[in-house]
């Protein structure tokens, strides 16, 4: 997913260096907006998953402190091991989508109306 977004954004950045007609810019703008919508959906799903893992981690930590169970400590470590990559990926998606908004604005600036 990460490389796919980066490759597509690089493609669009290169398109911005070209001199295209209004019709071509309209098509690029429409396509880019569709991609933004896909990645916004992806971002929302990852936000939900990340929030649920963080909630599970909080519950397990609380239960571990109360019961001092070794099994819960292992579960806590396992959830944390999954939570860290989820947070990192969500951070990437959030920043990338924000960057895509700026690129979309640049595309629309190129359309001569």
PDB file of N, CA and C in Angstrom:
ATOM      1  N   UNK A   1       0.824  -1.181   0.000  1.00  0.00           N
ATOM      2  CA  UNK A   1       0.000   0.000   0.000  1.00  0.00           C
ATOM      3  C   UNK A   1       0.873   1.251   0.000  1.00  0.00           C
ATOM      4  N   UNK A   2       1.893   1.231   0.847  1.00  0.00           N
ATOM      5  CA  UNK A   2       2.763   2.398   0.979  1.00  0.00           C
ATOM      6  C   UNK A   2       3.443   2.730  -0.348  1.00  0.00           C
ATOM      7  N   UNK A   3       4.000   1.725  -0.979  1.00  0.00           N
ATOM      8  CA  UNK A   3       4.707   1.976  -2.243  1.00  0.00           C
ATOM      9  C   UNK A   3       3.731   2.360  -3.352  1.00  0.00           C
ATOM     10  N   UNK A   4       2.538   1.801  -3.331  1.00  0.00           N
ATOM     11  CA  UNK A   4       1.529   2.128  -4.330  1.00  0.00           C
ATOM     12  C   UNK A   4       1.168   3.615  -4.259  1.00  0.00           C
ATOM     13  N   UNK A   5       0.968   4.128  -3.059  1.00  0.00           N
ATOM     14  CA  UNK A   5       0.633   5.545  -2.889  1.00  0.00           C
ATOM     15  C   UNK A   5       1.802   6.410  -3.337  1.00  0.00           C
ATOM     16  N   UNK A   6       3.002   6.034  -2.953  1.00  0.00           N
ATOM     17  CA  UNK A   6       4.170   6.834  -3.308  1.00  0.00           C
ATOM     18  C   UNK A   6       4.400   6.854  -4.819  1.00  0.00           C
ATOM     19  N   UNK A   7       4.237   5.716  -5.470  1.00  0.00           N
ATOM     20  CA  UNK A   7       4.407   5.651  -6.927  1.00  0.00           C
ATOM     21  C   UNK A   7       3.362   6.530  -7.613  1.00  0.00           C
ATOM     22  N   UNK A   8       2.119   6.447  -7.157  1.00  0.00           N
ATOM     23  CA  UNK A   8       1.058   7.244  -7.774  1.00  0.00           C
ATOM     24  C   UNK A   8       1.291   8.741  -7.556  1.00  0.00           C
ATOM     25  N   UNK A   9       1.685   9.120  -6.347  1.00  0.00           N
ATOM     26  CA  UNK A   9       1.957  10.536  -6.083  1.00  0.00           C
ATOM     27  C   UNK A   9       3.136  11.042  -6.911  1.00  0.00           C
ATOM     28  N   UNK A  10       4.158  10.222  -7.080  1.00  0.00           N
ATOM     29  CA  UNK A  10       5.286  10.608  -7.939  1.00  0.00           C
ATOM     30  C   UNK A  10       4.834  10.791  -9.385  1.00  0.00           C
ATOM     31  N   UNK A  11       3.956   9.910  -9.835  1.00  0.00           N
ATOM     32  CA  UNK A  11       3.405  10.017 -11.190  1.00  0.00           C
ATOM     33  C   UNK A  11       2.670  11.351 -11.361  1.00  0.00           C
ATOM     34  N   UNK A  12       1.862  11.700 -10.388  1.00  0.00           N
ATOM     35  CA  UNK A  12       1.094  12.954 -10.456  1.00  0.00           C
ATOM     36  C   UNK A  12       2.024  14.160 -10.357  1.00  0.00           C
ATOM     37  N   UNK A  13       3.035  14.070  -9.482  1.00  0.00           N
ATOM     38  CA  UNK A  13       4.004  15.169  -9.375  1.00  0.00           C
ATOM     39  C   UNK A  13       4.691  15.404 -10.723  1.00  0.00           C
ATOM     40  N   UNK A  14       5.012  14.339 -11.430  1.00  0.00           N
ATOM     41  CA  UNK A  14       5.612  14.470 -12.765  1.00  0.00           C
ATOM     42  C   UNK A  14       4.613  15.053 -13.770  1.00  0.00           C
ATOM     43  N   UNK A  15       3.344  14.679 -13.642  1.00  0.00           N
ATOM     44  CA  UNK A  15       2.307  15.240 -14.512  1.00  0.00           C
ATOM     45  C   UNK A  15       2.189  16.749 -14.305  1.00  0.00           C
ATOM     46  N   UNK A  16       2.384  17.197 -13.079  1.00  0.00           N
ATOM     47  CA  UNK A  16       2.282  18.628 -12.781  1.00  0.00           C
ATOM     48  C   UNK A  16       3.371  19.435 -13.490  1.00  0.00           C
ATOM     49  N   UNK A  17       4.449  18.772 -13.865  1.00  0.00           N
ATOM     50  CA  UNK A  17       5.539  19.445 -14.575  1.00  0.00           C
ATOM     51  C   UNK A  17       5.245  19.563 -16.068  1.00  0.00           C
ATOM     52  N   UNK A  18       4.232  18.840 -16.539  1.00  0.00           N
ATOM     53  CA  UNK A  18       3.883  18.842 -17.958  1.00  0.00           C
ATOM     54  C   UNK A  18       2.878  19.955 -18.252  1.00  0.00           C
ATOM     55  N   UNK A  19       2.762  20.240 -19.516  1.00  0.00           N
ATOM     56  CA  UNK A  19       1.796  21.222 -19.972  1.00  0.00           C
ATOM     57  C   UNK A  19       0.663  20.469 -20.666  1.00  0.00           C
ATOM     58  N   UNK A  20      -0.460  20.308 -19.991  1.00  0.00           N
ATOM     59  CA  UNK A  20      -1.581  19.547 -20.529  1.00  0.00           C
ATOM     60  C   UNK A  20      -2.755  20.475 -20.841  1.00  0.00           C
ATOM     61  N   UNK A  21      -3.696  19.961 -21.597  1.00  0.00           N
ATOM     62  CA  UNK A  21      -4.899  20.734 -21.905  1.00  0.00           C
ATOM     63  C   UNK A  21      -5.849  20.701 -20.712  1.00  0.00           C
ATOM     64  N   UNK A  22      -6.846  21.578 -20.758  1.00  0.00           N
ATOM     65  CA  UNK A  22      -7.840  21.605 -19.679  1.00  0.00           C
ATOM     66  C   UNK A  22      -8.569  20.276 -19.541  1.00  0.00           C
ATOM     67  N   UNK A  23      -8.865  19.644 -20.668  1.00  0.00           N
ATOM     68  CA  UNK A  23      -9.558  18.356 -20.626  1.00  0.00           C
ATOM     69  C   UNK A  23      -8.703  17.300 -19.927  1.00  0.00           C
ATOM     70  N   UNK A  24      -7.415  17.307 -20.236  1.00  0.00           N
ATOM     71  CA  UNK A  24      -6.501  16.356 -19.579  1.00  0.00           C
ATOM     72  C   UNK A  24      -6.411  16.646 -18.086  1.00  0.00           C
ATOM     73  N   UNK A  25      -6.343  17.930 -17.727  1.00  0.00           N
ATOM     74  CA  UNK A  25      -6.281  18.286 -16.303  1.00  0.00           C
ATOM     75  C   UNK A  25      -7.576  17.911 -15.589  1.00  0.00           C
ATOM     76  N   UNK A  26      -8.700  18.078 -16.273  1.00  0.00           N
ATOM     77  CA  UNK A  26      -9.978  17.660 -15.672  1.00  0.00           C
ATOM     78  C   UNK A  26      -9.984  16.165 -15.385  1.00  0.00           C
ATOM     79  N   UNK A  27      -9.496  15.390 -16.343  1.00  0.00           N
ATOM     80  CA  UNK A  27      -9.435  13.927 -16.169  1.00  0.00           C
ATOM     81  C   UNK A  27      -8.483  13.562 -15.031  1.00  0.00           C
ATOM     82  N   UNK A  28      -7.325  14.209 -14.988  1.00  0.00           N
ATOM     83  CA  UNK A  28      -6.359  13.950 -13.915  1.00  0.00           C
ATOM     84  C   UNK A  28      -6.974  14.308 -12.564  1.00  0.00           C
ATOM     85  N   UNK A  29      -7.672  15.431 -12.529  1.00  0.00           N
ATOM     86  CA  UNK A  29      -8.307  15.878 -11.288  1.00  0.00           C
ATOM     87  C   UNK A  29      -9.350  14.877 -10.805  1.00  0.00           C
ATOM     88  N   UNK A  30     -10.183  14.402 -11.731  1.00  0.00           N
ATOM     89  CA  UNK A  30     -11.210  13.408 -11.376  1.00  0.00           C
ATOM     90  C   UNK A  30     -10.579  12.113 -10.870  1.00  0.00           C
ATOM     91  N   UNK A  31      -9.577  11.631 -11.586  1.00  0.00           N
ATOM     92  CA  UNK A  31      -8.906  10.394 -11.182  1.00  0.00           C
ATOM     93  C   UNK A  31      -8.251  10.548  -9.810  1.00  0.00           C
ATOM     94  N   UNK A  32      -7.634  11.701  -9.609  1.00  0.00           N
ATOM     95  CA  UNK A  32      -6.934  11.927  -8.343  1.00  0.00           C
ATOM     96  C   UNK A  32      -7.924  12.008  -7.186  1.00  0.00           C
ATOM     97  N   UNK A  33      -9.079  12.613  -7.431  1.00  0.00           N
ATOM     98  CA  UNK A  33     -10.103  12.697  -6.394  1.00  0.00           C
ATOM     99  C   UNK A  33     -10.619  11.310  -6.019  1.00  0.00           C
ATOM    100  N   UNK A  34     -10.743  10.431  -7.005  1.00  0.00           N
ATOM    101  CA  UNK A  34     -11.147   9.046  -6.729  1.00  0.00           C
ATOM    102  C   UNK A  34     -10.097   8.370  -5.845  1.00  0.00           C
ATOM    103  N   UNK A  35      -8.823   8.553  -6.185  1.00  0.00           N
ATOM    104  CA  UNK A  35      -7.746   7.965  -5.366  1.00  0.00           C
ATOM    105  C   UNK A  35      -7.781   8.515  -3.946  1.00  0.00           C
ATOM    106  N   UNK A  36      -7.985   9.818  -3.815  1.00  0.00           N
ATOM    107  CA  UNK A  36      -8.077  10.419  -2.475  1.00  0.00           C
ATOM    108  C   UNK A  36      -9.202   9.762  -1.693  1.00  0.00           C
ATOM    109  N   UNK A  37     -10.345   9.547  -2.336  1.00  0.00           N
ATOM    110  CA  UNK A  37     -11.472   8.906  -1.642  1.00  0.00           C
ATOM    111  C   UNK A  37     -11.129   7.486  -1.202  1.00  0.00           C
ATOM    112  N   UNK A  38     -10.422   6.737  -2.056  1.00  0.00           N
ATOM    113  CA  UNK A  38     -10.003   5.389  -1.672  1.00  0.00           C
ATOM    114  C   UNK A  38      -9.101   5.434  -0.439  1.00  0.00           C
ATOM    115  N   UNK A  39      -8.134   6.339  -0.461  1.00  0.00           N
ATOM    116  CA  UNK A  39      -7.183   6.412   0.644  1.00  0.00           C
ATOM    117  C   UNK A  39      -7.821   6.984   1.906  1.00  0.00           C
ATOM    118  N   UNK A  40      -8.827   7.842   1.759  1.00  0.00           N
ATOM    119  CA  UNK A  40      -9.564   8.317   2.935  1.00  0.00           C
ATOM    120  C   UNK A  40     -10.298   7.152   3.591  1.00  0.00           C
ATOM    121  N   UNK A  41     -10.880   6.286   2.763  1.00  0.00           N
ATOM    122  CA  UNK A  41     -11.563   5.107   3.298  1.00  0.00           C
ATOM    123  C   UNK A  41     -10.567   4.201   4.018  1.00  0.00           C
ATOM    124  N   UNK A  42      -9.437   3.984   3.397  1.00  0.00           N
ATOM    125  CA  UNK A  42      -8.377   3.177   4.005  1.00  0.00           C
ATOM    126  C   UNK A  42      -7.938   3.784   5.345  1.00  0.00           C
ATOM    127  N   UNK A  43      -7.802   5.102   5.359  1.00  0.00           N
ATOM    128  CA  UNK A  43      -7.402   5.813   6.574  1.00  0.00           C
ATOM    129  C   UNK A  43      -8.440   5.623   7.676  1.00  0.00           C
ATOM    130  N   UNK A  44      -9.727   5.707   7.316  1.00  0.00           N
ATOM    131  CA  UNK A  44     -10.787   5.524   8.304  1.00  0.00           C
ATOM    132  C   UNK A  44     -10.766   4.112   8.897  1.00  0.00           C
ATOM    133  N   UNK A  45     -10.604   3.119   8.041  1.00  0.00           N
ATOM    134  CA  UNK A  45     -10.547   1.735   8.518  1.00  0.00           C
ATOM    135  C   UNK A  45      -9.368   1.553   9.473  1.00  0.00           C
ATOM    136  N   UNK A  46      -8.208   2.097   9.105  1.00  0.00           N
ATOM    137  CA  UNK A  46      -7.033   1.963   9.967  1.00  0.00           C
ATOM    138  C   UNK A  46      -7.197   2.740  11.273  1.00  0.00           C
ATOM    139  N   UNK A  47      -7.905   3.856  11.235  1.00  0.00           N
ATOM    140  CA  UNK A  47      -8.182   4.589  12.470  1.00  0.00           C
ATOM    141  C   UNK A  47      -9.031   3.749  13.412  1.00  0.00           C
ATOM    142  N   UNK A  48     -10.050   3.108  12.873  1.00  0.00           N
ATOM    143  CA  UNK A  48     -10.924   2.267  13.695  1.00  0.00           C
ATOM    144  C   UNK A  48     -10.145   1.100  14.282  1.00  0.00           C
ATOM    145  N   UNK A  49      -9.370   0.416  13.451  1.00  0.00           N
ATOM    146  CA  UNK A  49      -8.586  -0.731  13.926  1.00  0.00           C
ATOM    147  C   UNK A  49      -7.569  -0.291  14.980  1.00  0.00           C
ATOM    148  N   UNK A  50      -6.887   0.814  14.723  1.00  0.00           N
ATOM    149  CA  UNK A  50      -5.883   1.316  15.665  1.00  0.00           C
ATOM    150  C   UNK A  50      -6.530   1.699  16.990  1.00  0.00           C
ATOM    151  N   UNK A  51      -7.671   2.373  16.921  1.00  0.00           N
ATOM    152  CA  UNK A  51      -8.371   2.771  18.155  1.00  0.00           C
ATOM    153  C   UNK A  51      -8.832   1.547  18.949  1.00  0.00           C
ATOM    154  N   UNK A  52      -9.310   0.526  18.251  1.00  0.00           N
ATOM    155  CA  UNK A  52      -9.743  -0.690  18.948  1.00  0.00           C
ATOM    156  C   UNK A  52      -8.563  -1.422  19.589  1.00  0.00           C
ATOM    157  N   UNK A  53      -7.436  -1.480  18.893  1.00  0.00           N
ATOM    158  CA  UNK A  53      -6.251  -2.099  19.483  1.00  0.00           C
ATOM    159  C   UNK A  53      -5.757  -1.297  20.689  1.00  0.00           C
ATOM    160  N   UNK A  54      -5.814   0.031  20.597  1.00  0.00           N
ATOM    161  CA  UNK A  54      -5.404   0.861  21.737  1.00  0.00           C
ATOM    162  C   UNK A  54      -6.344   0.644  22.918  1.00  0.00           C
ATOM    163  N   UNK A  55      -7.632   0.518  22.650  1.00  0.00           N
ATOM    164  CA  UNK A  55      -8.604   0.245  23.714  1.00  0.00           C
ATOM    165  C   UNK A  55      -8.346  -1.124  24.338  1.00  0.00           C
ATOM    166  N   UNK A  56      -8.092  -2.128  23.505  1.00  0.00           N
ATOM    167  CA  UNK A  56      -7.772  -3.464  24.027  1.00  0.00           C
ATOM    168  C   UNK A  56      -6.516  -3.418  24.888  1.00  0.00           C
ATOM    169  N   UNK A  57      -5.509  -2.684  24.417  1.00  0.00           N
ATOM    170  CA  UNK A  57      -4.255  -2.573  25.168  1.00  0.00           C
ATOM    171  C   UNK A  57      -4.500  -1.938  26.533  1.00  0.00           C
ATOM    172  N   UNK A  58      -5.323  -0.905  26.568  1.00  0.00           N
ATOM    173  CA  UNK A  58      -5.642  -0.230  27.827  1.00  0.00           C
ATOM    174  C   UNK A  58      -6.373  -1.171  28.779  1.00  0.00           C
ATOM    175  N   UNK A  59      -7.327  -1.918  28.254  1.00  0.00           N
ATOM    176  CA  UNK A  59      -8.075  -2.870  29.081  1.00  0.00           C
ATOM    177  C   UNK A  59      -7.158  -3.955  29.624  1.00  0.00           C
ATOM    178  N   UNK A  60      -6.292  -4.492  28.771  1.00  0.00           N
ATOM    179  CA  UNK A  60      -5.386  -5.562  29.198  1.00  0.00           C
ATOM    180  C   UNK A  60      -4.371  -5.035  30.210  1.00  0.00           C
ATOM    181  N   UNK A  61      -3.865  -3.828  30.017  1.00  0.00           N
ATOM    182  CA  UNK A  61      -2.935  -3.246  30.992  1.00  0.00           C
ATOM    183  C   UNK A  61      -3.620  -3.089  32.344  1.00  0.00           C
ATOM    184  N   UNK A  62      -4.860  -2.583  32.325  1.00  0.00           N
ATOM    185  CA  UNK A  62      -5.608  -2.423  33.579  1.00  0.00           C
ATOM    186  C   UNK A  62      -5.823  -3.770  34.248  1.00  0.00           C
ATOM    187  N   UNK A  63      -6.213  -4.769  33.486  1.00  0.00           N
ATOM    188  CA  UNK A  63      -6.429  -6.107  34.051  1.00  0.00           C
ATOM    189  C   UNK A  63      -5.121  -6.696  34.569  1.00  0.00           C
ATOM    190  N   UNK A  64      -4.028  -6.426  33.874  1.00  0.00           N
ATOM    191  CA  UNK A  64      -2.718  -6.935  34.305  1.00  0.00           C
ATOM    192  C   UNK A  64      -2.315  -6.308  35.636  1.00  0.00           C
ATOM    193  N   UNK A  65      -2.525  -5.012  35.773  1.00  0.00           N
ATOM    194  CA  UNK A  65      -2.180  -4.329  37.025  1.00  0.00           C
ATOM    195  C   UNK A  65      -3.026  -4.862  38.175  1.00  0.00           C
ATOM    196  N   UNK A  66      -4.284  -5.117  37.915  1.00  0.00           N
ATOM    197  CA  UNK A  66      -5.181  -5.594  38.969  1.00  0.00           C
ATOM    198  C   UNK A  66      -4.860  -7.039  39.351  1.00  0.00           C
ATOM    199  N   UNK A  67      -4.674  -7.911  38.357  1.00  0.00           N
ATOM    200  CA  UNK A  67      -4.526  -9.344  38.642  1.00  0.00           C
ATOM    201  C   UNK A  67      -3.074  -9.819  38.698  1.00  0.00           C
ATOM    202  N   UNK A  68      -2.153  -9.071  38.131  1.00  0.00           N
ATOM    203  CA  UNK A  68      -0.739  -9.457  38.057  1.00  0.00           C
ATOM    204  C   UNK A  68      -0.550 -10.837  37.433  1.00  0.00           C
ATOM    205  N   UNK A  69      -1.323 -11.092  36.372  1.00  0.00           N
ATOM    206  CA  UNK A  69      -1.281 -12.380  35.685  1.00  0.00           C
ATOM    207  C   UNK A  69      -0.200 -12.371  34.603  1.00  0.00           C
ATOM    208  N   UNK A  70       0.589 -13.434  34.565  1.00  0.00           N
ATOM    209  CA  UNK A  70       1.628 -13.575  33.550  1.00  0.00           C
ATOM    210  C   UNK A  70       0.992 -13.691  32.154  1.00  0.00           C
ATOM    211  N   UNK A  71      -0.109 -14.409  32.063  1.00  0.00           N
ATOM    212  CA  UNK A  71      -0.800 -14.568  30.784  1.00  0.00           C
ATOM    213  C   UNK A  71      -1.250 -13.231  30.220  1.00  0.00           C
ATOM    214  N   UNK A  72      -1.762 -12.374  31.085  1.00  0.00           N
ATOM    215  CA  UNK A  72      -2.184 -11.049  30.634  1.00  0.00           C
ATOM    216  C   UNK A  72      -0.994 -10.184  30.231  1.00  0.00           C
ATOM    217  N   UNK A  73       0.138 -10.378  30.902  1.00  0.00           N
ATOM    218  CA  UNK A  73       1.344  -9.630  30.526  1.00  0.00           C
ATOM    219  C   UNK A  73       1.801 -10.027  29.126  1.00  0.00           C
ATOM    220  N   UNK A  74       1.709 -11.318  28.818  1.00  0.00           N
ATOM    221  CA  UNK A  74       2.068 -11.800  27.480  1.00  0.00           C
ATOM    222  C   UNK A  74       1.085 -11.238  26.448  1.00  0.00           C
ATOM    223  N   UNK A  75      -0.202 -11.256  26.792  1.00  0.00           N
ATOM    224  CA  UNK A  75      -1.214 -10.697  25.897  1.00  0.00           C
ATOM    225  C   UNK A  75      -0.979  -9.201  25.680  1.00  0.00           C
ATOM    226  N   UNK A  76      -0.608  -8.507  26.741  1.00  0.00           N
ATOM    227  CA  UNK A  76      -0.305  -7.079  26.657  1.00  0.00           C
ATOM    228  C   UNK A  76       0.858  -6.831  25.683  1.00  0.00           C
ATOM    229  N   UNK A  77       1.887  -7.633  25.794  1.00  0.00           N
ATOM    230  CA  UNK A  77       3.047  -7.499  24.899  1.00  0.00           C
ATOM    231  C   UNK A  77       2.657  -7.814  23.453  1.00  0.00           C
ATOM    232  N   UNK A  78       1.814  -8.820  23.263  1.00  0.00           N
ATOM    233  CA  UNK A  78       1.386  -9.191  21.908  1.00  0.00           C
ATOM    234  C   UNK A  78       0.569  -8.069  21.266  1.00  0.00           C
ATOM    235  N   UNK A  79      -0.352  -7.502  22.021  1.00  0.00           N
ATOM    236  CA  UNK A  79      -1.173  -6.415  21.486  1.00  0.00           C
ATOM    237  C   UNK A  79      -0.305  -5.199  21.184  1.00  0.00           C
ATOM    238  N   UNK A  80       0.631  -4.901  22.069  1.00  0.00           N
ATOM    239  CA  UNK A  80       1.519  -3.762  21.849  1.00  0.00           C
ATOM    240  C   UNK A  80       2.380  -3.973  20.593  1.00  0.00           C
ATOM    241  N   UNK A  81       2.786  -5.221  20.371  1.00  0.00           N
ATOM    242  CA  UNK A  81       3.574  -5.554  19.187  1.00  0.00           C
ATOM    243  C   UNK A  81       2.784  -5.281  17.904  1.00  0.00           C
ATOM    244  N   UNK A  82       1.482  -5.485  17.945  1.00  0.00           N
ATOM    245  CA  UNK A  82       0.635  -5.181  16.793  1.00  0.00           C
ATOM    246  C   UNK A  82       0.255  -3.703  16.733  1.00  0.00           C
ATOM    247  N   UNK A  83       0.092  -3.088  17.898  1.00  0.00           N
ATOM    248  CA  UNK A  83      -0.362  -1.691  17.948  1.00  0.00           C
ATOM    249  C   UNK A  83       0.669  -0.729  17.354  1.00  0.00           C
ATOM    250  N   UNK A  84       1.928  -0.966  17.610  1.00  0.00           N
ATOM    251  CA  UNK A  84       2.979  -0.050  17.129  1.00  0.00           C
ATOM    252  C   UNK A  84       2.982   0.050  15.596  1.00  0.00           C
ATOM    253  N   UNK A  85       2.974  -1.064  14.847  1.00  0.00           N
ATOM    254  CA  UNK A  85       2.903  -0.929  13.384  1.00  0.00           C
ATOM    255  C   UNK A  85       1.591  -0.295  12.900  1.00  0.00           C
ATOM    256  N   UNK A  86       0.473  -0.575  13.598  1.00  0.00           N
ATOM    257  CA  UNK A  86      -0.790   0.050  13.212  1.00  0.00           C
ATOM    258  C   UNK A  86      -0.706   1.565  13.344  1.00  0.00           C
ATOM    259  N   UNK A  87      -0.135   2.044  14.435  1.00  0.00           N
ATOM    260  CA  UNK A  87       0.014   3.493  14.640  1.00  0.00           C
ATOM    261  C   UNK A  87       0.937   4.081  13.571  1.00  0.00           C
ATOM    262  N   UNK A  88       2.022   3.403  13.281  1.00  0.00           N
ATOM    263  CA  UNK A  88       2.959   3.895  12.259  1.00  0.00           C
ATOM    264  C   UNK A  88       2.294   3.963  10.886  1.00  0.00           C
ATOM    265  N   UNK A  89       1.529   2.935  10.537  1.00  0.00           N
ATOM    266  CA  UNK A  89       0.867   2.928   9.235  1.00  0.00           C
ATOM    267  C   UNK A  89      -0.225   3.996   9.171  1.00  0.00           C
ATOM    268  N   UNK A  90      -0.978   4.145  10.253  1.00  0.00           N
ATOM    269  CA  UNK A  90      -2.003   5.183  10.274  1.00  0.00           C
ATOM    270  C   UNK A  90      -1.364   6.570  10.147  1.00  0.00           C
ATOM    271  N   UNK A  91      -0.237   6.770  10.810  1.00  0.00           N
ATOM    272  CA  UNK A  91       0.492   8.037  10.717  1.00  0.00           C
ATOM    273  C   UNK A  91       0.882   8.311   9.264  1.00  0.00           C
ATOM    274  N   UNK A  92       1.382   7.285   8.576  1.00  0.00           N
ATOM    275  CA  UNK A  92       1.732   7.431   7.170  1.00  0.00           C
ATOM    276  C   UNK A  92       0.504   7.791   6.337  1.00  0.00           C
ATOM    277  N   UNK A  93      -0.602   7.074   6.533  1.00  0.00           N
ATOM    278  CA  UNK A  93      -1.813   7.346   5.757  1.00  0.00           C
ATOM    279  C   UNK A  93      -2.326   8.760   5.998  1.00  0.00           C
ATOM    280  N   UNK A  94      -2.348   9.168   7.241  1.00  0.00           N
ATOM    281  CA  UNK A  94      -2.844  10.508   7.584  1.00  0.00           C
ATOM    282  C   UNK A  94      -2.014  11.585   6.888  1.00  0.00           C
ATOM    283  N   UNK A  95      -0.710  11.499   7.000  1.00  0.00           N
ATOM    284  CA  UNK A  95       0.160  12.500   6.389  1.00  0.00           C
ATOM    285  C   UNK A  95       0.097  12.467   4.869  1.00  0.00           C
ATOM    286  N   UNK A  96      -0.014  11.275   4.302  1.00  0.00           N
ATOM    287  CA  UNK A  96      -0.071  11.148   2.852  1.00  0.00           C
ATOM    288  C   UNK A  96      -1.363  11.737   2.299  1.00  0.00           C
ATOM    289  N   UNK A  97      -2.478  11.467   2.951  1.00  0.00           N
ATOM    290  CA  UNK A  97      -3.748  12.015   2.479  1.00  0.00           C
ATOM    291  C   UNK A  97      -3.734  13.542   2.599  1.00  0.00           C
ATOM    292  N   UNK A  98      -3.158  14.060   3.667  1.00  0.00           N
ATOM    293  CA  UNK A  98      -3.039  15.517   3.799  1.00  0.00           C
ATOM    294  C   UNK A  98      -2.201  16.093   2.657  1.00  0.00           C
ATOM    295  N   UNK A  99      -1.130  15.396   2.299  1.00  0.00           N
ATOM    296  CA  UNK A  99      -0.287  15.837   1.174  1.00  0.00           C
ATOM    297  C   UNK A  99      -1.070  15.760  -0.139  1.00  0.00           C
ATOM    298  N   UNK A 100      -1.906  14.733  -0.276  1.00  0.00           N
ATOM    299  CA  UNK A 100      -2.706  14.574  -1.481  1.00  0.00           C
ATOM    300  C   UNK A 100      -3.685  15.728  -1.652  1.00  0.00           C
ATOM    301  N   UNK A 101      -4.201  16.255  -0.555  1.00  0.00           N
ATOM    302  CA  UNK A 101      -5.086  17.424  -0.646  1.00  0.00           C
ATOM    303  C   UNK A 101      -4.347  18.593  -1.290  1.00  0.00           C
ATOM    304  N   UNK A 102      -3.110  18.802  -0.885  1.00  0.00           N
ATOM    305  CA  UNK A 102      -2.313  19.901  -1.448  1.00  0.00           C
ATOM    306  C   UNK A 102      -2.022  19.672  -2.927  1.00  0.00           C
ATOM    307  N   UNK A 103      -1.712  18.435  -3.286  1.00  0.00           N
ATOM    308  CA  UNK A 103      -1.458  18.113  -4.692  1.00  0.00           C
ATOM    309  C   UNK A 103      -2.729  18.311  -5.512  1.00  0.00           C
ATOM    310  N   UNK A 104      -3.866  17.919  -4.950  1.00  0.00           N
ATOM    311  CA  UNK A 104      -5.149  18.108  -5.634  1.00  0.00           C
ATOM    312  C   UNK A 104      -5.396  19.596  -5.898  1.00  0.00           C
ATOM    313  N   UNK A 105      -5.069  20.435  -4.927  1.00  0.00           N
ATOM    314  CA  UNK A 105      -5.204  21.883  -5.130  1.00  0.00           C
ATOM    315  C   UNK A 105      -4.289  22.366  -6.258  1.00  0.00           C
ATOM    316  N   UNK A 106      -3.077  21.832  -6.324  1.00  0.00           N
ATOM    317  CA  UNK A 106      -2.158  22.200  -7.408  1.00  0.00           C
ATOM    318  C   UNK A 106      -2.710  21.779  -8.767  1.00  0.00           C
ATOM    319  N   UNK A 107      -3.316  20.597  -8.810  1.00  0.00           N
ATOM    320  CA  UNK A 107      -3.912  20.125 -10.062  1.00  0.00           C
ATOM    321  C   UNK A 107      -5.016  21.085 -10.498  1.00  0.00           C
ATOM    322  N   UNK A 108      -5.864  21.467  -9.559  1.00  0.00           N
ATOM    323  CA  UNK A 108      -6.969  22.356  -9.902  1.00  0.00           C
ATOM    324  C   UNK A 108      -6.500  23.760 -10.277  1.00  0.00           C
ATOM    325  N   UNK A 109      -5.363  24.169  -9.774  1.00  0.00           N
ATOM    326  CA  UNK A 109      -4.789  25.453 -10.185  1.00  0.00           C
ATOM    327  C   UNK A 109      -4.360  25.419 -11.656  1.00  0.00           C
ATOM    328  N   UNK A 110      -3.993  24.229 -12.134  1.00  0.00           N
ATOM    329  CA  UNK A 110      -3.534  24.095 -13.512  1.00  0.00           C
ATOM    330  C   UNK A 110      -4.689  24.161 -14.513  1.00  0.00           C
ATOM    331  N   UNK A 111      -5.904  23.935 -14.024  1.00  0.00           N
ATOM    332  CA  UNK A 111      -7.079  23.983 -14.911  1.00  0.00           C
ATOM    333  C   UNK A 111      -7.421  25.451 -15.144  1.00  0.00           C
ATOM    334  N   UNK A 112      -7.361  25.853 -16.386  1.00  0.00           N
ATOM    335  CA  UNK A 112      -7.652  27.251 -16.753  1.00  0.00           C
ATOM    336  C   UNK A 112      -9.143  27.387 -17.013  1.00  0.00           C
ATOM    337  N   UNK A 113      -9.791  28.079 -16.152  1.00  0.00           N
ATOM    338  CA  UNK A 113     -11.252  28.253 -16.303  1.00  0.00           C
ATOM    339  C   UNK A 113     -11.579  29.652 -16.724  1.00  0.00           C
TER     340      UNK A 113
END
